[in-house]
Amino acid sequence: GQARWDDGYSALEQAFSKLREQSQKLGLKETGYPLTVFVETDDQGFKYEAELPVETLPAQRPADLPAEMRFGATPEGRAIRFVHRGAYDEIDSTYEAVSAYVDVKGFEVKDTLIEEYIEMGQESSDMAIEVHIFVQPTK
């Protein structure tokens, strides 16, 4: 999907809701927290892949699965995890800290960012939100 920054949290919530709906419809067991892989970002917004880890995959693609959904593997490999607790509206400050840490340590990282939603709030300003942010070193 894609979204503007101002609408990002609600777009992700809707994407996860659709994934859960399809997962339940297909009888798939959810085995982890929902994830977002940010594949492209700019000042206006972002393109993303919303993901929901499940225990097993169907042997073949269900005929009635929406065209924008597909089965695949969640990201793998080494990663550095950072934790954001608080309003999603304030996640930029965590990303600034992530960027500073990566710069100070001299890490080269992939452009792709991954967020894992441990606790989602009712809205983006909810202080109970917890998000794990993963950056993957290139070496």
C-alpha atoms as a PDB file:
ATOM      1  CA  GLY A   1       0.000   0.000   0.000  1.00  0.00           C
ATOM      2  CA  GLN A   2       0.877   3.620   0.206  1.00  0.00           C
ATOM      3  CA  ALA A   3      -0.135   6.448   2.513  1.00  0.00           C
ATOM      4  CA  ARG A   4       0.561  10.045   3.421  1.00  0.00           C
ATOM      5  CA  TRP A   5       2.372  10.536   6.722  1.00  0.00           C
ATOM      6  CA  ASP A   6      -0.662  12.205   8.292  1.00  0.00           C
ATOM      7  CA  ASP A   7      -2.824   9.174   7.521  1.00  0.00           C
ATOM      8  CA  GLY A   8      -0.144   6.524   7.975  1.00  0.00           C
ATOM      9  CA  TYR A   9      -1.208   5.002  11.266  1.00  0.00           C
ATOM     10  CA  SER A  10      -4.838   4.581  10.242  1.00  0.00           C
ATOM     11  CA  ALA A  11      -3.755   3.142   6.855  1.00  0.00           C
ATOM     12  CA  LEU A  12      -1.608   0.553   8.625  1.00  0.00           C
ATOM     13  CA  GLU A  13      -4.413  -0.322  11.048  1.00  0.00           C
ATOM     14  CA  GLN A  14      -6.769  -0.867   8.113  1.00  0.00           C
ATOM     15  CA  ALA A  15      -4.203  -3.018   6.323  1.00  0.00           C
ATOM     16  CA  PHE A  16      -3.692  -5.201   9.406  1.00  0.00           C
ATOM     17  CA  SER A  17      -7.442  -5.503   9.852  1.00  0.00           C
ATOM     18  CA  LYS A  18      -7.822  -6.733   6.250  1.00  0.00           C
ATOM     19  CA  LEU A  19      -4.949  -9.189   6.719  1.00  0.00           C
ATOM     20  CA  ARG A  20      -6.480 -10.574   9.911  1.00  0.00           C
ATOM     21  CA  GLU A  21      -9.870 -10.884   8.255  1.00  0.00           C
ATOM     22  CA  GLN A  22      -8.397 -12.905   5.377  1.00  0.00           C
ATOM     23  CA  SER A  23      -6.254 -14.958   7.731  1.00  0.00           C
ATOM     24  CA  GLN A  24      -9.286 -15.931   9.816  1.00  0.00           C
ATOM     25  CA  LYS A  25     -11.317 -16.646   6.694  1.00  0.00           C
ATOM     26  CA  LEU A  26      -8.592 -19.043   5.518  1.00  0.00           C
ATOM     27  CA  GLY A  27      -8.160 -20.616   8.966  1.00  0.00           C
ATOM     28  CA  LEU A  28      -4.548 -19.474   9.320  1.00  0.00           C
ATOM     29  CA  LYS A  29      -3.056 -19.209  12.806  1.00  0.00           C
ATOM     30  CA  GLU A  30      -1.367 -15.881  13.542  1.00  0.00           C
ATOM     31  CA  THR A  31       2.062 -16.511  15.102  1.00  0.00           C
ATOM     32  CA  GLY A  32       3.533 -13.081  15.661  1.00  0.00           C
ATOM     33  CA  TYR A  33       2.989  -9.376  15.724  1.00  0.00           C
ATOM     34  CA  PRO A  34       2.005  -7.461  12.595  1.00  0.00           C
ATOM     35  CA  LEU A  35       4.854  -5.844  10.680  1.00  0.00           C
ATOM     36  CA  THR A  36       5.336  -3.064   8.204  1.00  0.00           C
ATOM     37  CA  VAL A  37       8.223  -3.048   5.758  1.00  0.00           C
ATOM     38  CA  PHE A  38       8.717   0.485   4.466  1.00  0.00           C
ATOM     39  CA  VAL A  39       9.904   0.070   0.895  1.00  0.00           C
ATOM     40  CA  GLU A  40       9.937   3.738  -0.125  1.00  0.00           C
ATOM     41  CA  THR A  41       9.613   7.000   1.784  1.00  0.00           C
ATOM     42  CA  ASP A  42       9.676  10.684   0.931  1.00  0.00           C
ATOM     43  CA  ASP A  43       8.535  13.938   2.525  1.00  0.00           C
ATOM     44  CA  GLN A  44       4.907  13.333   1.520  1.00  0.00           C
ATOM     45  CA  GLY A  45       4.409   9.718   2.538  1.00  0.00           C
ATOM     46  CA  PHE A  46       5.463   6.142   2.109  1.00  0.00           C
ATOM     47  CA  LYS A  47       4.961   2.852   0.295  1.00  0.00           C
ATOM     48  CA  TYR A  48       4.789  -0.212   2.470  1.00  0.00           C
ATOM     49  CA  GLU A  49       4.133  -3.906   2.776  1.00  0.00           C
ATOM     50  CA  ALA A  50       1.889  -4.797   5.718  1.00  0.00           C
ATOM     51  CA  GLU A  51       2.626  -8.299   6.947  1.00  0.00           C
ATOM     52  CA  LEU A  52       1.019 -10.747   9.344  1.00  0.00           C
ATOM     53  CA  PRO A  53       3.082 -13.804  10.377  1.00  0.00           C
ATOM     54  CA  VAL A  54       1.109 -17.042  10.164  1.00  0.00           C
ATOM     55  CA  GLU A  55       1.963 -20.607  11.138  1.00  0.00           C
ATOM     56  CA  THR A  56       1.516 -22.294   7.768  1.00  0.00           C
ATOM     57  CA  LEU A  57       0.746 -21.214   4.233  1.00  0.00           C
ATOM     58  CA  PRO A  58      -1.949 -22.682   1.999  1.00  0.00           C
ATOM     59  CA  ALA A  59      -0.674 -25.147  -0.586  1.00  0.00           C
ATOM     60  CA  GLN A  60      -1.895 -22.825  -3.331  1.00  0.00           C
ATOM     61  CA  ARG A  61      -3.154 -19.275  -3.608  1.00  0.00           C
ATOM     62  CA  PRO A  62      -6.850 -19.127  -2.667  1.00  0.00           C
ATOM     63  CA  ALA A  63      -8.931 -18.011  -5.662  1.00  0.00           C
ATOM     64  CA  ASP A  64     -10.780 -15.359  -3.654  1.00  0.00           C
ATOM     65  CA  LEU A  65      -7.690 -13.760  -2.094  1.00  0.00           C
ATOM     66  CA  PRO A  66      -7.655 -10.028  -2.970  1.00  0.00           C
ATOM     67  CA  ALA A  67      -5.176  -9.163  -5.720  1.00  0.00           C
ATOM     68  CA  GLU A  68      -3.129  -6.851  -3.464  1.00  0.00           C
ATOM     69  CA  MET A  69      -2.433  -9.696  -1.011  1.00  0.00           C
ATOM     70  CA  ARG A  70       0.157 -12.399  -1.398  1.00  0.00           C
ATOM     71  CA  PHE A  71       1.988 -14.961   0.677  1.00  0.00           C
ATOM     72  CA  GLY A  72       5.710 -14.700   1.319  1.00  0.00           C
ATOM     73  CA  ALA A  73       8.430 -14.756   3.924  1.00  0.00           C
ATOM     74  CA  THR A  74       8.864 -12.141   6.608  1.00  0.00           C
ATOM     75  CA  PRO A  75      12.193 -10.282   6.548  1.00  0.00           C
ATOM     76  CA  GLU A  76      15.102 -12.273   7.882  1.00  0.00           C
ATOM     77  CA  GLY A  77      18.725 -11.778   8.742  1.00  0.00           C
ATOM     78  CA  ARG A  78      20.683  -9.741  11.230  1.00  0.00           C
ATOM     79  CA  ALA A  79      19.043  -6.588  12.547  1.00  0.00           C
ATOM     80  CA  ILE A  80      19.421  -3.956  15.210  1.00  0.00           C
ATOM     81  CA  ARG A  81      16.232  -3.470  17.218  1.00  0.00           C
ATOM     82  CA  PHE A  82      15.109  -0.174  18.686  1.00  0.00           C
ATOM     83  CA  VAL A  83      12.003   0.278  20.822  1.00  0.00           C
ATOM     84  CA  HIS A  84       9.504   3.125  20.575  1.00  0.00           C
ATOM     85  CA  ARG A  85       6.993   3.476  23.414  1.00  0.00           C
ATOM     86  CA  GLY A  86       4.379   6.201  23.275  1.00  0.00           C
ATOM     87  CA  ALA A  87       2.315   7.963  20.657  1.00  0.00           C
ATOM     88  CA  TYR A  88       2.965   6.938  17.064  1.00  0.00           C
ATOM     89  CA  ASP A  89       2.674  10.645  16.317  1.00  0.00           C
ATOM     90  CA  GLU A  90       6.010  11.005  18.148  1.00  0.00           C
ATOM     91  CA  ILE A  91       7.892   8.151  16.456  1.00  0.00           C
ATOM     92  CA  ASP A  92      10.005  10.643  14.481  1.00  0.00           C
ATOM     93  CA  SER A  93      12.054  11.356  17.609  1.00  0.00           C
ATOM     94  CA  THR A  94      12.835   7.640  17.926  1.00  0.00           C
ATOM     95  CA  TYR A  95      13.886   7.527  14.276  1.00  0.00           C
ATOM     96  CA  GLU A  96      16.184  10.497  14.899  1.00  0.00           C
ATOM     97  CA  ALA A  97      17.793   8.542  17.749  1.00  0.00           C
ATOM     98  CA  VAL A  98      18.093   5.475  15.491  1.00  0.00           C
ATOM     99  CA  SER A  99      19.785   7.557  12.811  1.00  0.00           C
ATOM    100  CA  ALA A 100      22.168   9.127  15.321  1.00  0.00           C
ATOM    101  CA  TYR A 101      23.083   5.721  16.784  1.00  0.00           C
ATOM    102  CA  VAL A 102      23.736   4.213  13.358  1.00  0.00           C
ATOM    103  CA  ASP A 103      25.878   7.216  12.398  1.00  0.00           C
ATOM    104  CA  VAL A 104      27.904   7.208  15.641  1.00  0.00           C
ATOM    105  CA  LYS A 105      28.553   3.470  15.390  1.00  0.00           C
ATOM    106  CA  GLY A 106      29.449   3.751  11.701  1.00  0.00           C
ATOM    107  CA  PHE A 107      26.980   1.070  10.616  1.00  0.00           C
ATOM    108  CA  GLU A 108      25.940   0.815   7.000  1.00  0.00           C
ATOM    109  CA  VAL A 109      22.294  -0.243   6.909  1.00  0.00           C
ATOM    110  CA  LYS A 110      19.745  -1.186   4.262  1.00  0.00           C
ATOM    111  CA  ASP A 111      17.302   1.510   3.186  1.00  0.00           C
ATOM    112  CA  THR A 112      14.370  -0.705   4.141  1.00  0.00           C
ATOM    113  CA  LEU A 113      12.957  -0.101   7.614  1.00  0.00           C
ATOM    114  CA  ILE A 114      10.816  -2.600   9.499  1.00  0.00           C
ATOM    115  CA  GLU A 115       8.316  -1.861  12.248  1.00  0.00           C
ATOM    116  CA  GLU A 116       6.800  -4.560  14.463  1.00  0.00           C
ATOM    117  CA  TYR A 117       3.687  -3.521  16.375  1.00  0.00           C
ATOM    118  CA  ILE A 118       3.829  -5.055  19.839  1.00  0.00           C
ATOM    119  CA  GLU A 119       0.980  -2.902  21.138  1.00  0.00           C
ATOM    120  CA  MET A 120      -1.274  -0.869  18.872  1.00  0.00           C
ATOM    121  CA  GLY A 121      -3.342   1.940  20.275  1.00  0.00           C
ATOM    122  CA  GLN A 122      -6.853   3.086  19.527  1.00  0.00           C
ATOM    123  CA  GLU A 123      -5.369   6.025  17.636  1.00  0.00           C
ATOM    124  CA  SER A 124      -1.942   7.369  16.733  1.00  0.00           C
ATOM    125  CA  SER A 125      -1.804   9.592  19.831  1.00  0.00           C
ATOM    126  CA  ASP A 126      -2.306   6.673  22.246  1.00  0.00           C
ATOM    127  CA  MET A 127       0.580   6.560  24.734  1.00  0.00           C
ATOM    128  CA  ALA A 128       0.291   2.759  25.150  1.00  0.00           C
ATOM    129  CA  ILE A 129       1.742   2.064  21.698  1.00  0.00           C
ATOM    130  CA  GLU A 130       4.899  -0.037  21.502  1.00  0.00           C
ATOM    131  CA  VAL A 131       6.747  -0.467  18.220  1.00  0.00           C
ATOM    132  CA  HIS A 132       9.984  -2.310  17.579  1.00  0.00           C
ATOM    133  CA  ILE A 133      11.997  -0.715  14.794  1.00  0.00           C
ATOM    134  CA  PHE A 134      14.498  -2.908  12.966  1.00  0.00           C
ATOM    135  CA  VAL A 135      17.371  -1.744  10.787  1.00  0.00           C
ATOM    136  CA  GLN A 136      19.476  -4.293   8.989  1.00  0.00           C
ATOM    137  CA  PRO A 137      23.228  -3.877   8.567  1.00  0.00           C
ATOM    138  CA  THR A 138      24.490  -4.349   5.022  1.00  0.00           C
ATOM    139  CA  LYS A 139      27.580  -6.241   6.283  1.00  0.00           C
END
